[in-house]
Amino acid sequence: MTNSTIEIFKNNLKYYRNQRGFTQDKLSEITGISSDYLSEIERGKRTPSFKRMLLIADALEIEVYKLFKPID
């Protein structure tokens, strides 16, 4: 992923997580992804696999493409 794509992804992850009222710990519980790993994703330190992206999108009840689409 390019830097701008990573920036959009991490910002959208945080946005949609907050929209659902989830903490990183709550999202971790639902997805089975560690809260440390989720934190690293949101800080742009890690890039998740497609499988993990699907788990995250499912937990947030959004289509996976929304994690990559700039929010107006």
PDB file of N, CA and C in Angstrom:
ATOM      1  N   MET A   1       0.843  -1.179   0.000  1.00  0.00           N
ATOM      2  CA  MET A   1       0.000   0.000   0.000  1.00  0.00           C
ATOM      3  C   MET A   1       0.886   1.238   0.000  1.00  0.00           C
ATOM      4  N   THR A   2       0.433   2.268  -0.686  1.00  0.00           N
ATOM      5  CA  THR A   2       1.185   3.509  -0.689  1.00  0.00           C
ATOM      6  C   THR A   2       0.961   4.243   0.633  1.00  0.00           C
ATOM      7  N   ASN A   3       1.799   5.231   0.894  1.00  0.00           N
ATOM      8  CA  ASN A   3       1.664   5.993   2.136  1.00  0.00           C
ATOM      9  C   ASN A   3       0.305   6.657   2.254  1.00  0.00           C
ATOM     10  N   SER A   4      -0.220   7.208   1.147  1.00  0.00           N
ATOM     11  CA  SER A   4      -1.526   7.862   1.217  1.00  0.00           C
ATOM     12  C   SER A   4      -2.632   6.842   1.472  1.00  0.00           C
ATOM     13  N   THR A   5      -2.506   5.653   0.909  1.00  0.00           N
ATOM     14  CA  THR A   5      -3.498   4.601   1.146  1.00  0.00           C
ATOM     15  C   THR A   5      -3.460   4.162   2.602  1.00  0.00           C
ATOM     16  N   ILE A   6      -2.277   4.031   3.147  1.00  0.00           N
ATOM     17  CA  ILE A   6      -2.131   3.663   4.557  1.00  0.00           C
ATOM     18  C   ILE A   6      -2.735   4.738   5.447  1.00  0.00           C
ATOM     19  N   GLU A   7      -2.501   5.983   5.107  1.00  0.00           N
ATOM     20  CA  GLU A   7      -3.048   7.108   5.876  1.00  0.00           C
ATOM     21  C   GLU A   7      -4.576   7.064   5.877  1.00  0.00           C
ATOM     22  N   ILE A   8      -5.162   6.856   4.700  1.00  0.00           N
ATOM     23  CA  ILE A   8      -6.621   6.765   4.594  1.00  0.00           C
ATOM     24  C   ILE A   8      -7.125   5.577   5.405  1.00  0.00           C
ATOM     25  N   PHE A   9      -6.483   4.426   5.242  1.00  0.00           N
ATOM     26  CA  PHE A   9      -6.907   3.217   5.945  1.00  0.00           C
ATOM     27  C   PHE A   9      -6.887   3.416   7.451  1.00  0.00           C
ATOM     28  N   LYS A  10      -5.780   3.909   7.983  1.00  0.00           N
ATOM     29  CA  LYS A  10      -5.679   4.033   9.439  1.00  0.00           C
ATOM     30  C   LYS A  10      -6.664   5.070   9.984  1.00  0.00           C
ATOM     31  N   ASN A  11      -6.860   6.162   9.249  1.00  0.00           N
ATOM     32  CA  ASN A  11      -7.828   7.169   9.689  1.00  0.00           C
ATOM     33  C   ASN A  11      -9.254   6.619   9.646  1.00  0.00           C
ATOM     34  N   ASN A  12      -9.576   5.866   8.591  1.00  0.00           N
ATOM     35  CA  ASN A  12     -10.912   5.295   8.468  1.00  0.00           C
ATOM     36  C   ASN A  12     -11.160   4.231   9.528  1.00  0.00           C
ATOM     37  N   LEU A  13     -10.158   3.432   9.813  1.00  0.00           N
ATOM     38  CA  LEU A  13     -10.302   2.423  10.861  1.00  0.00           C
ATOM     39  C   LEU A  13     -10.673   3.090  12.177  1.00  0.00           C
ATOM     40  N   LYS A  14      -9.948   4.116  12.527  1.00  0.00           N
ATOM     41  CA  LYS A  14     -10.228   4.823  13.780  1.00  0.00           C
ATOM     42  C   LYS A  14     -11.610   5.481  13.732  1.00  0.00           C
ATOM     43  N   TYR A  15     -11.950   6.092  12.597  1.00  0.00           N
ATOM     44  CA  TYR A  15     -13.244   6.757  12.444  1.00  0.00           C
ATOM     45  C   TYR A  15     -14.394   5.763  12.636  1.00  0.00           C
ATOM     46  N   TYR A  16     -14.364   4.663  11.881  1.00  0.00           N
ATOM     47  CA  TYR A  16     -15.457   3.696  11.964  1.00  0.00           C
ATOM     48  C   TYR A  16     -15.488   2.974  13.309  1.00  0.00           C
ATOM     49  N   ARG A  17     -14.333   2.768  13.904  1.00  0.00           N
ATOM     50  CA  ARG A  17     -14.289   2.171  15.243  1.00  0.00           C
ATOM     51  C   ARG A  17     -14.980   3.090  16.247  1.00  0.00           C
ATOM     52  N   ASN A  18     -14.666   4.378  16.163  1.00  0.00           N
ATOM     53  CA  ASN A  18     -15.296   5.351  17.060  1.00  0.00           C
ATOM     54  C   ASN A  18     -16.788   5.496  16.773  1.00  0.00           C
ATOM     55  N   GLN A  19     -17.167   5.422  15.500  1.00  0.00           N
ATOM     56  CA  GLN A  19     -18.587   5.502  15.126  1.00  0.00           C
ATOM     57  C   GLN A  19     -19.383   4.377  15.790  1.00  0.00           C
ATOM     58  N   ARG A  20     -18.795   3.212  15.900  1.00  0.00           N
ATOM     59  CA  ARG A  20     -19.455   2.061  16.530  1.00  0.00           C
ATOM     60  C   ARG A  20     -19.354   2.115  18.062  1.00  0.00           C
ATOM     61  N   GLY A  21     -18.552   3.070  18.569  1.00  0.00           N
ATOM     62  CA  GLY A  21     -18.385   3.191  20.013  1.00  0.00           C
ATOM     63  C   GLY A  21     -17.460   2.134  20.587  1.00  0.00           C
ATOM     64  N   PHE A  22     -16.570   1.600  19.735  1.00  0.00           N
ATOM     65  CA  PHE A  22     -15.645   0.556  20.170  1.00  0.00           C
ATOM     66  C   PHE A  22     -14.306   1.151  20.597  1.00  0.00           C
ATOM     67  N   THR A  23     -13.778   0.633  21.670  1.00  0.00           N
ATOM     68  CA  THR A  23     -12.379   0.892  22.017  1.00  0.00           C
ATOM     69  C   THR A  23     -11.550  -0.110  21.207  1.00  0.00           C
ATOM     70  N   GLN A  24     -10.247   0.077  21.213  1.00  0.00           N
ATOM     71  CA  GLN A  24      -9.387  -0.912  20.568  1.00  0.00           C
ATOM     72  C   GLN A  24      -9.531  -2.262  21.266  1.00  0.00           C
ATOM     73  N   ASP A  25      -9.710  -2.250  22.569  1.00  0.00           N
ATOM     74  CA  ASP A  25      -9.882  -3.502  23.309  1.00  0.00           C
ATOM     75  C   ASP A  25     -11.161  -4.225  22.890  1.00  0.00           C
ATOM     76  N   LYS A  26     -12.236  -3.476  22.711  1.00  0.00           N
ATOM     77  CA  LYS A  26     -13.506  -4.087  22.296  1.00  0.00           C
ATOM     78  C   LYS A  26     -13.386  -4.668  20.885  1.00  0.00           C
ATOM     79  N   LEU A  27     -12.771  -3.910  19.967  1.00  0.00           N
ATOM     80  CA  LEU A  27     -12.580  -4.401  18.610  1.00  0.00           C
ATOM     81  C   LEU A  27     -11.678  -5.638  18.626  1.00  0.00           C
ATOM     82  N   SER A  28     -10.710  -5.636  19.508  1.00  0.00           N
ATOM     83  CA  SER A  28      -9.827  -6.787  19.670  1.00  0.00           C
ATOM     84  C   SER A  28     -10.615  -8.023  20.096  1.00  0.00           C
ATOM     85  N   GLU A  29     -11.506  -7.857  21.060  1.00  0.00           N
ATOM     86  CA  GLU A  29     -12.347  -8.964  21.527  1.00  0.00           C
ATOM     87  C   GLU A  29     -13.170  -9.561  20.392  1.00  0.00           C
ATOM     88  N   ILE A  30     -13.768  -8.685  19.583  1.00  0.00           N
ATOM     89  CA  ILE A  30     -14.670  -9.120  18.517  1.00  0.00           C
ATOM     90  C   ILE A  30     -13.907  -9.809  17.386  1.00  0.00           C
ATOM     91  N   THR A  31     -12.749  -9.263  17.028  1.00  0.00           N
ATOM     92  CA  THR A  31     -12.014  -9.762  15.867  1.00  0.00           C
ATOM     93  C   THR A  31     -11.015 -10.854  16.194  1.00  0.00           C
ATOM     94  N   GLY A  32     -10.560 -10.909  17.443  1.00  0.00           N
ATOM     95  CA  GLY A  32      -9.500 -11.838  17.800  1.00  0.00           C
ATOM     96  C   GLY A  32      -8.119 -11.313  17.425  1.00  0.00           C
ATOM     97  N   ILE A  33      -8.058 -10.051  17.034  1.00  0.00           N
ATOM     98  CA  ILE A  33      -6.790  -9.379  16.706  1.00  0.00           C
ATOM     99  C   ILE A  33      -6.352  -8.639  17.968  1.00  0.00           C
ATOM    100  N   SER A  34      -5.107  -8.762  18.357  1.00  0.00           N
ATOM    101  CA  SER A  34      -4.669  -8.135  19.605  1.00  0.00           C
ATOM    102  C   SER A  34      -4.832  -6.617  19.550  1.00  0.00           C
ATOM    103  N   SER A  35      -5.097  -6.042  20.706  1.00  0.00           N
ATOM    104  CA  SER A  35      -5.256  -4.585  20.774  1.00  0.00           C
ATOM    105  C   SER A  35      -3.939  -3.887  20.452  1.00  0.00           C
ATOM    106  N   ASP A  36      -2.816  -4.508  20.780  1.00  0.00           N
ATOM    107  CA  ASP A  36      -1.514  -3.934  20.425  1.00  0.00           C
ATOM    108  C   ASP A  36      -1.362  -3.852  18.909  1.00  0.00           C
ATOM    109  N   TYR A  37      -1.776  -4.917  18.217  1.00  0.00           N
ATOM    110  CA  TYR A  37      -1.695  -4.944  16.748  1.00  0.00           C
ATOM    111  C   TYR A  37      -2.625  -3.894  16.146  1.00  0.00           C
ATOM    112  N   LEU A  38      -3.854  -3.780  16.687  1.00  0.00           N
ATOM    113  CA  LEU A  38      -4.784  -2.770  16.197  1.00  0.00           C
ATOM    114  C   LEU A  38      -4.217  -1.361  16.395  1.00  0.00           C
ATOM    115  N   SER A  39      -3.585  -1.142  17.524  1.00  0.00           N
ATOM    116  CA  SER A  39      -2.961   0.147  17.789  1.00  0.00           C
ATOM    117  C   SER A  39      -1.870   0.443  16.763  1.00  0.00           C
ATOM    118  N   GLU A  40      -1.077  -0.559  16.454  1.00  0.00           N
ATOM    119  CA  GLU A  40      -0.009  -0.382  15.461  1.00  0.00           C
ATOM    120  C   GLU A  40      -0.585  -0.095  14.075  1.00  0.00           C
ATOM    121  N   ILE A  41      -1.707  -0.710  13.740  1.00  0.00           N
ATOM    122  CA  ILE A  41      -2.368  -0.417  12.463  1.00  0.00           C
ATOM    123  C   ILE A  41      -2.818   1.041  12.447  1.00  0.00           C
ATOM    124  N   GLU A  42      -3.479   1.479  13.511  1.00  0.00           N
ATOM    125  CA  GLU A  42      -3.991   2.855  13.566  1.00  0.00           C
ATOM    126  C   GLU A  42      -2.872   3.893  13.572  1.00  0.00           C
ATOM    127  N   ARG A  43      -1.692   3.492  13.998  1.00  0.00           N
ATOM    128  CA  ARG A  43      -0.551   4.416  13.982  1.00  0.00           C
ATOM    129  C   ARG A  43       0.268   4.296  12.700  1.00  0.00           C
ATOM    130  N   GLY A  44      -0.153   3.406  11.806  1.00  0.00           N
ATOM    131  CA  GLY A  44       0.549   3.232  10.537  1.00  0.00           C
ATOM    132  C   GLY A  44       1.837   2.442  10.651  1.00  0.00           C
ATOM    133  N   LYS A  45       2.015   1.725  11.745  1.00  0.00           N
ATOM    134  CA  LYS A  45       3.230   0.935  11.964  1.00  0.00           C
ATOM    135  C   LYS A  45       3.138  -0.464  11.369  1.00  0.00           C
ATOM    136  N   ARG A  46       1.905  -0.967  11.199  1.00  0.00           N
ATOM    137  CA  ARG A  46       1.677  -2.307  10.651  1.00  0.00           C
ATOM    138  C   ARG A  46       0.625  -2.214   9.561  1.00  0.00           C
ATOM    139  N   THR A  47       0.707  -3.123   8.619  1.00  0.00           N
ATOM    140  CA  THR A  47      -0.293  -3.240   7.562  1.00  0.00           C
ATOM    141  C   THR A  47      -0.935  -4.617   7.696  1.00  0.00           C
ATOM    142  N   PRO A  48      -2.250  -4.651   7.928  1.00  0.00           N
ATOM    143  CA  PRO A  48      -2.890  -5.943   8.150  1.00  0.00           C
ATOM    144  C   PRO A  48      -3.047  -6.743   6.859  1.00  0.00           C
ATOM    145  N   SER A  49      -3.152  -8.050   7.023  1.00  0.00           N
ATOM    146  CA  SER A  49      -3.451  -8.919   5.886  1.00  0.00           C
ATOM    147  C   SER A  49      -4.889  -8.673   5.444  1.00  0.00           C
ATOM    148  N   PHE A  50      -5.208  -9.149   4.252  1.00  0.00           N
ATOM    149  CA  PHE A  50      -6.571  -8.989   3.758  1.00  0.00           C
ATOM    150  C   PHE A  50      -7.555  -9.716   4.680  1.00  0.00           C
ATOM    151  N   LYS A  51      -7.162 -10.870   5.186  1.00  0.00           N
ATOM    152  CA  LYS A  51      -8.019 -11.617   6.111  1.00  0.00           C
ATOM    153  C   LYS A  51      -8.345 -10.777   7.343  1.00  0.00           C
ATOM    154  N   ARG A  52      -7.351 -10.103   7.884  1.00  0.00           N
ATOM    155  CA  ARG A  52      -7.591  -9.250   9.054  1.00  0.00           C
ATOM    156  C   ARG A  52      -8.437  -8.041   8.690  1.00  0.00           C
ATOM    157  N   MET A  53      -8.235  -7.489   7.495  1.00  0.00           N
ATOM    158  CA  MET A  53      -9.084  -6.374   7.050  1.00  0.00           C
ATOM    159  C   MET A  53     -10.546  -6.800   6.997  1.00  0.00           C
ATOM    160  N   LEU A  54     -10.783  -8.021   6.509  1.00  0.00           N
ATOM    161  CA  LEU A  54     -12.154  -8.541   6.444  1.00  0.00           C
ATOM    162  C   LEU A  54     -12.744  -8.723   7.842  1.00  0.00           C
ATOM    163  N   LEU A  55     -11.943  -9.226   8.774  1.00  0.00           N
ATOM    164  CA  LEU A  55     -12.403  -9.378  10.156  1.00  0.00           C
ATOM    165  C   LEU A  55     -12.775  -8.029  10.764  1.00  0.00           C
ATOM    166  N   ILE A  56     -11.937  -7.030  10.509  1.00  0.00           N
ATOM    167  CA  ILE A  56     -12.184  -5.686  11.036  1.00  0.00           C
ATOM    168  C   ILE A  56     -13.453  -5.101  10.425  1.00  0.00           C
ATOM    169  N   ALA A  57     -13.575  -5.169   9.103  1.00  0.00           N
ATOM    170  CA  ALA A  57     -14.752  -4.618   8.422  1.00  0.00           C
ATOM    171  C   ALA A  57     -16.022  -5.305   8.910  1.00  0.00           C
ATOM    172  N   ASP A  58     -15.969  -6.623   9.069  1.00  0.00           N
ATOM    173  CA  ASP A  58     -17.126  -7.368   9.547  1.00  0.00           C
ATOM    174  C   ASP A  58     -17.517  -6.909  10.952  1.00  0.00           C
ATOM    175  N   ALA A  59     -16.543  -6.744  11.823  1.00  0.00           N
ATOM    176  CA  ALA A  59     -16.812  -6.302  13.192  1.00  0.00           C
ATOM    177  C   ALA A  59     -17.395  -4.889  13.220  1.00  0.00           C
ATOM    178  N   LEU A  60     -16.959  -4.054  12.286  1.00  0.00           N
ATOM    179  CA  LEU A  60     -17.450  -2.680  12.224  1.00  0.00           C
ATOM    180  C   LEU A  60     -18.748  -2.561  11.424  1.00  0.00           C
ATOM    181  N   GLU A  61     -19.184  -3.698  10.860  1.00  0.00           N
ATOM    182  CA  GLU A  61     -20.407  -3.768  10.061  1.00  0.00           C
ATOM    183  C   GLU A  61     -20.372  -2.814   8.875  1.00  0.00           C
ATOM    184  N   ILE A  62     -19.228  -2.835   8.168  1.00  0.00           N
ATOM    185  CA  ILE A  62     -19.055  -2.049   6.950  1.00  0.00           C
ATOM    186  C   ILE A  62     -18.456  -2.941   5.872  1.00  0.00           C
ATOM    187  N   GLU A  63     -18.584  -2.511   4.633  1.00  0.00           N
ATOM    188  CA  GLU A  63     -17.908  -3.193   3.533  1.00  0.00           C
ATOM    189  C   GLU A  63     -16.433  -2.828   3.609  1.00  0.00           C
ATOM    190  N   VAL A  64     -15.561  -3.745   3.266  1.00  0.00           N
ATOM    191  CA  VAL A  64     -14.117  -3.533   3.406  1.00  0.00           C
ATOM    192  C   VAL A  64     -13.633  -2.334   2.584  1.00  0.00           C
ATOM    193  N   TYR A  65     -14.262  -2.057   1.436  1.00  0.00           N
ATOM    194  CA  TYR A  65     -13.812  -0.937   0.609  1.00  0.00           C
ATOM    195  C   TYR A  65     -13.909   0.391   1.343  1.00  0.00           C
ATOM    196  N   LYS A  66     -14.813   0.503   2.318  1.00  0.00           N
ATOM    197  CA  LYS A  66     -14.968   1.763   3.044  1.00  0.00           C
ATOM    198  C   LYS A  66     -13.724   2.116   3.861  1.00  0.00           C
ATOM    199  N   LEU A  67     -12.915   1.118   4.161  1.00  0.00           N
ATOM    200  CA  LEU A  67     -11.681   1.399   4.882  1.00  0.00           C
ATOM    201  C   LEU A  67     -10.649   2.098   3.998  1.00  0.00           C
ATOM    202  N   PHE A  68     -10.876   2.054   2.674  1.00  0.00           N
ATOM    203  CA  PHE A  68      -9.938   2.653   1.732  1.00  0.00           C
ATOM    204  C   PHE A  68     -10.465   3.898   1.034  1.00  0.00           C
ATOM    205  N   LYS A  69     -11.719   4.209   1.256  1.00  0.00           N
ATOM    206  CA  LYS A  69     -12.351   5.349   0.576  1.00  0.00           C
ATOM    207  C   LYS A  69     -12.285   6.576   1.477  1.00  0.00           C
ATOM    208  N   PRO A  70     -11.712   7.679   0.962  1.00  0.00           N
ATOM    209  CA  PRO A  70     -11.664   8.891   1.784  1.00  0.00           C
ATOM    210  C   PRO A  70     -13.058   9.306   2.263  1.00  0.00           C
ATOM    211  N   ILE A  71     -13.150   9.697   3.497  1.00  0.00           N
ATOM    212  CA  ILE A  71     -14.423  10.147   4.076  1.00  0.00           C
ATOM    213  C   ILE A  71     -14.560  11.633   3.793  1.00  0.00           C
ATOM    214  N   ASP A  72     -15.721  11.990   3.237  1.00  0.00           N
ATOM    215  CA  ASP A  72     -15.957  13.416   2.898  1.00  0.00           C
ATOM    216  C   ASP A  72     -16.145  14.275   4.110  1.00  0.00           C
TER     217      ASP A  72
END
